[in-house]
Amino acid sequence: MGRLAAEIESRLIAALAPSALDVIDDSHEHRGHGGHRGDDGESHFTVKISAAAFVGLNRVARQRAVYAALGELVAPDRIHALRIIAELPAAP
C-alpha cells in the first residue's frame, strides 16, 4: 500500500469507524490518461467502505461523508479520480 492509499485508509478509519474498508489503488489502469502521474504516483482509487455512520444516509450523503473525511486529499494534484462504494453494514 502506497503512502496516499495509507493516508486515505487512516482518515476513513478515524472519521467513520468502518466495519469494512478496502482502499484499492487503480492508478496502473490509467496509464496515459489524464491525471496519471507515471510509475511513481498514486492518482486513481476505489474505496469500498461499510460503516454504521451511514445509517440513515442516502447514497449521495454517504459519498459526501467520505469526501469530508478525506478533506484536502480530494484535489486534482492528490487524488485525481475516486470511485466510492459506500454501504451500510450487514444486519446482524
Protein backbone atom coordinates (compact mmCIF):
# COMPACT_ATOMS: atom_id res chain seq x y z
CA MET A 1 0.00 0.00 0.00
CA GLY A 2 1.40 3.38 -1.02
CA ARG A 3 1.57 6.48 1.16
CA LEU A 4 -1.53 8.12 -0.27
CA ALA A 5 -3.59 4.93 -0.02
CA ALA A 6 -2.48 4.56 3.60
CA GLU A 7 -3.50 8.15 4.33
CA ILE A 8 -6.92 7.54 2.75
CA GLU A 9 -7.36 4.45 4.91
CA SER A 10 -6.24 6.24 8.07
CA ARG A 11 -8.59 9.19 7.57
CA LEU A 12 -11.60 7.00 6.82
CA ILE A 13 -10.96 4.84 9.87
CA ALA A 14 -10.63 7.92 12.10
CA ALA A 15 -13.72 9.67 10.75
CA LEU A 16 -16.16 6.84 10.03
CA ALA A 17 -15.02 3.80 12.07
CA PRO A 18 -15.88 1.42 9.24
CA SER A 19 -16.77 -2.21 9.82
CA ALA A 20 -15.21 -2.99 6.44
CA LEU A 21 -12.79 -0.95 4.34
CA ASP A 22 -10.85 -1.64 1.18
CA VAL A 23 -8.73 1.05 -0.49
CA ILE A 24 -7.69 -0.04 -3.97
CA ASP A 25 -5.06 1.82 -5.99
CA ASP A 26 -6.33 1.73 -9.59
CA SER A 27 -3.61 4.05 -10.91
CA HIS A 28 -1.94 1.37 -13.02
CA GLU A 29 -5.17 1.04 -15.05
CA HIS A 30 -4.97 4.70 -16.12
CA ARG A 31 -1.54 4.94 -17.71
CA GLY A 32 -1.61 7.61 -20.40
CA HIS A 33 -4.90 9.07 -19.18
CA GLY A 34 -5.37 12.49 -17.63
CA GLY A 35 -4.25 12.75 -14.04
CA HIS A 36 -1.98 9.71 -14.12
CA ARG A 37 1.37 10.57 -12.51
CA GLY A 38 3.56 7.89 -14.01
CA ASP A 39 5.02 4.89 -12.26
CA ASP A 40 5.74 6.71 -9.01
CA GLY A 41 2.34 8.30 -8.38
CA GLU A 42 -0.93 7.25 -6.86
CA SER A 43 -3.79 9.05 -8.55
CA HIS A 44 -6.85 6.83 -9.06
CA PHE A 45 -8.59 4.90 -6.28
CA THR A 46 -11.62 2.79 -5.46
CA VAL A 47 -12.85 2.89 -1.86
CA LYS A 48 -15.22 0.18 -0.66
CA ILE A 49 -16.50 1.08 2.78
CA SER A 50 -19.22 -0.11 5.12
CA ALA A 51 -19.94 1.90 8.26
CA ALA A 52 -22.65 2.36 10.88
CA ALA A 53 -22.11 6.10 10.36
CA PHE A 54 -24.00 5.68 7.08
CA VAL A 55 -27.24 4.56 8.74
CA GLY A 56 -30.00 6.97 7.72
CA LEU A 57 -27.95 8.48 4.88
CA ASN A 58 -28.77 8.09 1.21
CA ARG A 59 -26.10 7.16 -1.35
CA VAL A 60 -25.14 10.78 -2.08
CA ALA A 61 -24.87 11.68 1.61
CA ARG A 62 -22.65 8.63 2.22
CA GLN A 63 -20.34 9.72 -0.59
CA ARG A 64 -20.24 13.25 0.83
CA ALA A 65 -19.26 11.82 4.21
CA VAL A 66 -16.32 10.02 2.56
CA TYR A 67 -15.25 13.20 0.74
CA ALA A 68 -15.49 15.18 4.00
CA ALA A 69 -13.32 12.60 5.79
CA LEU A 70 -10.67 12.83 3.07
CA GLY A 71 -10.62 16.65 3.08
CA GLU A 72 -7.85 18.24 1.05
CA LEU A 73 -6.69 14.86 -0.27
CA VAL A 74 -9.53 15.12 -2.80
CA ALA A 75 -7.77 17.60 -5.04
CA PRO A 76 -6.60 17.05 -8.62
CA ASP A 77 -2.95 17.14 -7.57
CA ARG A 78 -3.55 14.43 -4.91
CA ILE A 79 -6.46 12.15 -5.82
CA HIS A 80 -7.38 12.59 -9.46
CA ALA A 81 -10.23 10.06 -9.50
CA LEU A 82 -12.13 8.39 -6.69
CA ARG A 83 -14.75 5.67 -7.05
CA ILE A 84 -16.75 5.24 -3.84
CA ILE A 85 -18.82 2.21 -2.90
CA ALA A 86 -20.33 3.21 0.46
CA GLU A 87 -22.69 0.71 2.03
CA LEU A 88 -24.50 0.06 5.25
CA PRO A 89 -23.12 -2.69 7.48
CA ALA A 90 -24.74 -6.09 7.14
CA ALA A 91 -27.59 -6.66 9.55
CA PRO A 92 -26.65 -8.91 12.49
